[in-house]
C-alpha atoms as a PDB file:
ATOM      1  CA  MET A   1     -26.399   7.645 -14.127  1.00  0.00           C
ATOM      2  CA  ARG A   2     -25.939   8.819 -10.533  1.00  0.00           C
ATOM      3  CA  ALA A   3     -25.235  12.471  -9.785  1.00  0.00           C
ATOM      4  CA  SER A   4     -22.812  11.627  -6.956  1.00  0.00           C
ATOM      5  CA  ILE A   5     -21.270   8.648  -5.198  1.00  0.00           C
ATOM      6  CA  GLU A   6     -19.535   8.451  -1.851  1.00  0.00           C
ATOM      7  CA  ASN A   7     -16.967   6.021  -0.445  1.00  0.00           C
ATOM      8  CA  ARG A   8     -16.450   6.208   3.314  1.00  0.00           C
ATOM      9  CA  TYR A   9     -14.321   4.196   5.720  1.00  0.00           C
ATOM     10  CA  LYS A  10     -12.377   4.512   8.947  1.00  0.00           C
ATOM     11  CA  MET A  11      -8.618   4.850   8.606  1.00  0.00           C
ATOM     12  CA  THR A  12      -6.989   2.722  11.306  1.00  0.00           C
ATOM     13  CA  ARG A  13      -3.558   1.369  12.043  1.00  0.00           C
ATOM     14  CA  ASP A  14      -4.606  -2.110  10.885  1.00  0.00           C
ATOM     15  CA  VAL A  15      -5.958  -0.771   7.578  1.00  0.00           C
ATOM     16  CA  TYR A  16      -2.733   1.114   6.888  1.00  0.00           C
ATOM     17  CA  LEU A  17      -0.534  -1.864   7.807  1.00  0.00           C
ATOM     18  CA  ASP A  18      -2.594  -4.056   5.468  1.00  0.00           C
ATOM     19  CA  TRP A  19      -1.922  -1.570   2.658  1.00  0.00           C
ATOM     20  CA  VAL A  20       1.803  -1.594   3.432  1.00  0.00           C
ATOM     21  CA  LYS A  21       1.810  -5.380   3.451  1.00  0.00           C
ATOM     22  CA  HIS A  22      -0.166  -5.588   0.174  1.00  0.00           C
ATOM     23  CA  PRO A  23       0.957  -2.823  -2.189  1.00  0.00           C
ATOM     24  CA  ILE A  24      -0.895  -2.276  -5.453  1.00  0.00           C
ATOM     25  CA  PRO A  25       0.882  -4.290  -8.162  1.00  0.00           C
ATOM     26  CA  GLU A  26       2.059  -2.341 -11.178  1.00  0.00           C
ATOM     27  CA  ARG A  27       0.826  -3.455 -14.577  1.00  0.00           C
ATOM     28  CA  GLY A  28       3.238  -5.711 -16.414  1.00  0.00           C
ATOM     29  CA  LYS A  29       6.074  -5.269 -13.942  1.00  0.00           C
ATOM     30  CA  LYS A  30       7.477  -8.301 -12.230  1.00  0.00           C
ATOM     31  CA  ARG A  31       8.723  -7.163  -8.870  1.00  0.00           C
ATOM     32  CA  ILE A  32      11.276  -9.148  -6.958  1.00  0.00           C
ATOM     33  CA  SER A  33      10.292  -8.969  -3.350  1.00  0.00           C
ATOM     34  CA  THR A  34      12.945  -7.480  -1.111  1.00  0.00           C
ATOM     35  CA  ASN A  35      12.198 -10.399   1.200  1.00  0.00           C
ATOM     36  CA  PHE A  36      13.914 -12.750  -1.272  1.00  0.00           C
ATOM     37  CA  ILE A  37      16.982 -10.531  -1.243  1.00  0.00           C
ATOM     38  CA  TRP A  38      17.083 -10.472   2.574  1.00  0.00           C
ATOM     39  CA  VAL A  39      16.582 -14.252   2.798  1.00  0.00           C
ATOM     40  CA  GLY A  40      19.397 -14.807   0.281  1.00  0.00           C
ATOM     41  CA  PHE A  41      21.643 -12.427   2.177  1.00  0.00           C
ATOM     42  CA  SER A  42      20.889 -14.155   5.498  1.00  0.00           C
ATOM     43  CA  VAL A  43      21.692 -17.603   4.020  1.00  0.00           C
ATOM     44  CA  ILE A  44      25.021 -16.328   2.693  1.00  0.00           C
ATOM     45  CA  ALA A  45      25.801 -14.602   6.001  1.00  0.00           C
ATOM     46  CA  LEU A  46      24.976 -17.764   7.975  1.00  0.00           C
ATOM     47  CA  TYR A  47      27.212 -19.823   5.678  1.00  0.00           C
ATOM     48  CA  LEU A  48      30.098 -17.367   6.092  1.00  0.00           C
ATOM     49  CA  SER A  49      29.497 -17.301   9.847  1.00  0.00           C
ATOM     50  CA  LEU A  50      29.729 -21.097  10.055  1.00  0.00           C
ATOM     51  CA  LYS A  51      32.806 -21.085   7.821  1.00  0.00           C
ATOM     52  CA  GLY A  52      34.461 -18.459  10.022  1.00  0.00           C
ATOM     53  CA  PHE A  53      33.614 -20.473  13.121  1.00  0.00           C
ATOM     54  CA  THR A  54      35.058 -23.726  11.684  1.00  0.00           C
ATOM     55  CA  ASP A  55      38.183 -21.865  10.505  1.00  0.00           C
ATOM     56  CA  GLY A  56      38.750 -20.408  13.967  1.00  0.00           C
ATOM     57  CA  GLU A  57      37.900 -16.844  12.857  1.00  0.00           C
ATOM     58  CA  TYR A  58      35.493 -16.139  15.705  1.00  0.00           C
ATOM     59  CA  VAL A  59      35.274 -12.356  15.182  1.00  0.00           C
ATOM     60  CA  VAL A  60      34.425 -12.862  11.503  1.00  0.00           C
ATOM     61  CA  ALA A  61      31.919 -15.563  12.451  1.00  0.00           C
ATOM     62  CA  ALA A  62      30.258 -13.249  14.988  1.00  0.00           C
ATOM     63  CA  CYS A  63      30.052 -10.388  12.474  1.00  0.00           C
ATOM     64  CA  PHE A  64      28.433 -12.568   9.812  1.00  0.00           C
ATOM     65  CA  PHE A  65      26.082 -14.079  12.385  1.00  0.00           C
ATOM     66  CA  LEU A  66      25.010 -10.568  13.400  1.00  0.00           C
ATOM     67  CA  LEU A  67      24.436  -9.688   9.717  1.00  0.00           C
ATOM     68  CA  ALA A  68      22.334 -12.838   9.346  1.00  0.00           C
ATOM     69  CA  LEU A  69      20.194 -11.845  12.345  1.00  0.00           C
ATOM     70  CA  ILE A  70      19.686  -8.333  10.934  1.00  0.00           C
ATOM     71  CA  SER A  71      18.700  -9.815   7.564  1.00  0.00           C
ATOM     72  CA  ILE A  72      16.198 -12.191   9.132  1.00  0.00           C
ATOM     73  CA  PHE A  73      14.793  -9.317  11.206  1.00  0.00           C
ATOM     74  CA  SER A  74      14.369  -7.280   8.008  1.00  0.00           C
ATOM     75  CA  VAL A  75      12.345 -10.043   6.357  1.00  0.00           C
ATOM     76  CA  PHE A  76       9.826 -10.334   9.149  1.00  0.00           C
ATOM     77  CA  PHE A  77       9.646  -6.930  10.811  1.00  0.00           C
ATOM     78  CA  MET A  78      11.126  -4.037   8.815  1.00  0.00           C
ATOM     79  CA  THR A  79       8.082  -3.412   6.583  1.00  0.00           C
ATOM     80  CA  ARG A  80       5.793  -3.434   9.602  1.00  0.00           C
ATOM     81  CA  PHE A  81       7.997  -1.045  11.587  1.00  0.00           C
ATOM     82  CA  ALA A  82       8.296   1.347   8.647  1.00  0.00           C
ATOM     83  CA  GLY A  83       4.505   1.216   8.190  1.00  0.00           C
ATOM     84  CA  LEU A  84       3.912   1.899  11.876  1.00  0.00           C
ATOM     85  CA  ARG A  85       6.264   4.868  11.745  1.00  0.00           C
ATOM     86  CA  GLU A  86       4.417   6.330   8.752  1.00  0.00           C
ATOM     87  CA  PHE A  87       1.029   5.714  10.362  1.00  0.00           C
ATOM     88  CA  ARG A  88       2.154   7.475  13.556  1.00  0.00           C
ATOM     89  CA  LYS A  89       3.132  10.519  11.467  1.00  0.00           C
ATOM     90  CA  MET A  90      -0.298  10.529   9.796  1.00  0.00           C
ATOM     91  CA  ALA A  91      -2.077  10.065  13.142  1.00  0.00           C
ATOM     92  CA  LYS A  92      -0.113  12.939  14.655  1.00  0.00           C
ATOM     93  CA  PHE A  93      -1.057  15.159  11.716  1.00  0.00           C
ATOM     94  CA  GLN A  94      -4.727  14.134  12.068  1.00  0.00           C
ATOM     95  CA  GLY A  95      -4.660  14.512  15.860  1.00  0.00           C
ATOM     96  CA  ALA A  96      -6.300  11.094  16.325  1.00  0.00           C
ATOM     97  CA  ASP A  97      -5.461   7.389  16.269  1.00  0.00           C
ATOM     98  CA  GLU A  98      -8.369   6.751  13.855  1.00  0.00           C
ATOM     99  CA  TRP A  99     -10.172   9.055  11.455  1.00  0.00           C
ATOM    100  CA  GLU A 100     -12.736   8.926   8.722  1.00  0.00           C
ATOM    101  CA  ARG A 101     -11.715   9.018   5.089  1.00  0.00           C
ATOM    102  CA  VAL A 102     -14.380  10.136   2.620  1.00  0.00           C
ATOM    103  CA  ILE A 103     -14.068  10.235  -1.162  1.00  0.00           C
ATOM    104  CA  ARG A 104     -16.962  11.911  -2.985  1.00  0.00           C
ATOM    105  CA  PHE A 105     -17.510  11.616  -6.707  1.00  0.00           C
ATOM    106  CA  SER A 106     -19.707  14.242  -8.384  1.00  0.00           C
ATOM    107  CA  ASP A 107     -18.543  16.926 -10.847  1.00  0.00           C
ATOM    108  CA  GLU A 108     -15.083  16.404  -9.358  1.00  0.00           C
ATOM    109  CA  VAL A 109     -13.504  14.019  -6.875  1.00  0.00           C
ATOM    110  CA  THR A 110     -13.220  15.331  -3.321  1.00  0.00           C
ATOM    111  CA  PHE A 111     -10.867  13.446  -1.004  1.00  0.00           C
ATOM    112  CA  GLN A 112     -11.325  14.212   2.680  1.00  0.00           C
ATOM    113  CA  ASP A 113      -8.850  12.558   5.019  1.00  0.00           C
ATOM    114  CA  GLY A 114      -9.751  13.599   8.536  1.00  0.00           C
ATOM    115  CA  GLY A 115      -9.138  17.344   8.601  1.00  0.00           C
ATOM    116  CA  SER A 116      -7.448  17.678   5.202  1.00  0.00           C
ATOM    117  CA  LYS A 117      -9.238  17.988   1.888  1.00  0.00           C
ATOM    118  CA  SER A 118      -8.128  17.669  -1.743  1.00  0.00           C
ATOM    119  CA  ARG A 119      -9.936  17.962  -5.065  1.00  0.00           C
ATOM    120  CA  PHE A 120      -9.208  16.155  -8.308  1.00  0.00           C
ATOM    121  CA  SER A 121     -10.655  16.271 -11.793  1.00  0.00           C
ATOM    122  CA  TYR A 122     -11.567  12.965 -13.408  1.00  0.00           C
ATOM    123  CA  ASP A 123      -8.999  13.372 -16.183  1.00  0.00           C
ATOM    124  CA  MET A 124      -6.249  13.184 -13.533  1.00  0.00           C
ATOM    125  CA  PHE A 125      -7.022   9.463 -13.076  1.00  0.00           C
ATOM    126  CA  THR A 126      -5.342   7.044 -15.467  1.00  0.00           C
ATOM    127  CA  GLU A 127      -6.298   3.641 -14.106  1.00  0.00           C
ATOM    128  CA  LEU A 128      -8.732   1.795 -11.869  1.00  0.00           C
ATOM    129  CA  VAL A 129      -7.304  -1.361 -10.272  1.00  0.00           C
ATOM    130  CA  LYS A 130      -9.677  -3.974  -8.854  1.00  0.00           C
ATOM    131  CA  THR A 131      -8.346  -6.078  -5.982  1.00  0.00           C
ATOM    132  CA  GLY A 132      -9.942  -8.314  -3.375  1.00  0.00           C
ATOM    133  CA  ASP A 133     -11.294  -5.840  -0.825  1.00  0.00           C
ATOM    134  CA  TYR A 134     -10.753  -2.506  -2.505  1.00  0.00           C
ATOM    135  CA  LEU A 135     -10.468  -0.514  -5.693  1.00  0.00           C
ATOM    136  CA  ALA A 136      -7.541   1.798  -6.365  1.00  0.00           C
ATOM    137  CA  LEU A 137      -7.724   4.885  -8.559  1.00  0.00           C
ATOM    138  CA  ARG A 138      -4.314   5.815  -9.945  1.00  0.00           C
ATOM    139  CA  LEU A 139      -3.512   9.468 -10.381  1.00  0.00           C
ATOM    140  CA  ASN A 140      -1.403  10.533 -13.345  1.00  0.00           C
ATOM    141  CA  ARG A 141       1.545  11.148 -11.021  1.00  0.00           C
ATOM    142  CA  GLY A 142       1.545   7.544  -9.774  1.00  0.00           C
ATOM    143  CA  LEU A 143      -0.284   7.920  -6.455  1.00  0.00           C
ATOM    144  CA  TYR A 144      -3.371   5.864  -5.665  1.00  0.00           C
ATOM    145  CA  LEU A 145      -6.659   6.619  -3.932  1.00  0.00           C
ATOM    146  CA  ARG A 146      -7.906   3.432  -2.317  1.00  0.00           C
ATOM    147  CA  LEU A 147     -11.618   2.794  -2.053  1.00  0.00           C
ATOM    148  CA  TRP A 148     -12.975   0.009   0.139  1.00  0.00           C
ATOM    149  CA  LYS A 149     -15.578  -1.955  -1.755  1.00  0.00           C
ATOM    150  CA  ASN A 150     -17.775  -2.106   1.336  1.00  0.00           C
ATOM    151  CA  GLY A 151     -17.403   1.685   1.725  1.00  0.00           C
ATOM    152  CA  PHE A 152     -19.989   2.347  -0.998  1.00  0.00           C
ATOM    153  CA  LYS A 153     -23.259   2.601   0.923  1.00  0.00           C
ATOM    154  CA  TYR A 154     -25.780   3.271  -1.835  1.00  0.00           C
ATOM    155  CA  CYS A 155     -23.891   2.221  -4.939  1.00  0.00           C
ATOM    156  CA  PRO A 156     -22.831  -1.261  -6.007  1.00  0.00           C
ATOM    157  CA  VAL A 157     -19.202  -1.573  -7.150  1.00  0.00           C
ATOM    158  CA  PRO A 158     -20.090  -2.417 -10.798  1.00  0.00           C
ATOM    159  CA  GLU A 159     -22.223   0.736 -10.982  1.00  0.00           C
ATOM    160  CA  PHE A 160     -19.335   2.791  -9.579  1.00  0.00           C
ATOM    161  CA  ILE A 161     -16.972   1.392 -12.225  1.00  0.00           C
ATOM    162  CA  GLU A 162     -19.436   2.389 -14.959  1.00  0.00           C
ATOM    163  CA  PHE A 163     -19.745   5.845 -13.365  1.00  0.00           C
ATOM    164  CA  ILE A 164     -15.951   6.337 -13.476  1.00  0.00           C
ATOM    165  CA  LYS A 165     -15.740   5.100 -17.067  1.00  0.00           C
ATOM    166  CA  HIS A 166     -18.488   7.575 -18.014  1.00  0.00           C
ATOM    167  CA  LYS A 167     -16.691  10.473 -16.266  1.00  0.00           C
ATOM    168  CA  ASN A 168     -13.305   9.529 -17.766  1.00  0.00           C
ATOM    169  CA  PRO A 169     -13.593   7.445 -20.960  1.00  0.00           C
ATOM    170  CA  ASN A 170      -9.762   7.163 -21.134  1.00  0.00           C
ATOM    171  CA  ILE A 171      -9.391   5.391 -17.796  1.00  0.00           C
ATOM    172  CA  LYS A 172      -8.068   1.825 -17.944  1.00  0.00           C
ATOM    173  CA  VAL A 173      -9.694  -0.773 -15.724  1.00  0.00           C
ATOM    174  CA  ARG A 174      -7.755  -3.878 -14.715  1.00  0.00           C
ATOM    175  CA  GLU A 175      -7.688  -6.681 -12.187  1.00  0.00           C
ATOM    176  CA  ALA A 176      -4.703  -6.780  -9.841  1.00  0.00           C
ATOM    177  CA  GLN A 177      -2.393  -9.681 -10.577  1.00  0.00           C
END
């Protein structure tokens, strides 16, 4: 069994936006995408706009048409804009547009995100989620530490999973749905 393992990757705007676009799915919870709600709302608003126009209620038609445009905008752009805003806050805090994120696993887990550093004990992790390009360690308070699979330089991913299971026998390992 290894004494320590390290996961290292560069935190960029594109990486963060990918995370925003692909959140980690919760176990057993079916989540209705807000996009479906916005699409439904835009269809209803377009219908009411057309109805207002055919009934001669041009102000009502214009208001519903504007609501439809806002709804369609929300489907395609709102998540991205919110993600960009959050990334800008993180970049301002880090003092750089890109920074290195390093997670070290030895007697404890050390998370270094640019200039900030946090430490965690292994018993604080409740779940390891395997997805396409990354692994996600869930903390007991619901936050996740993401680990890029290609960020392990000297440790294959299956060996890392065994390492985590050895350090925390209570951790649940699952595939993302």
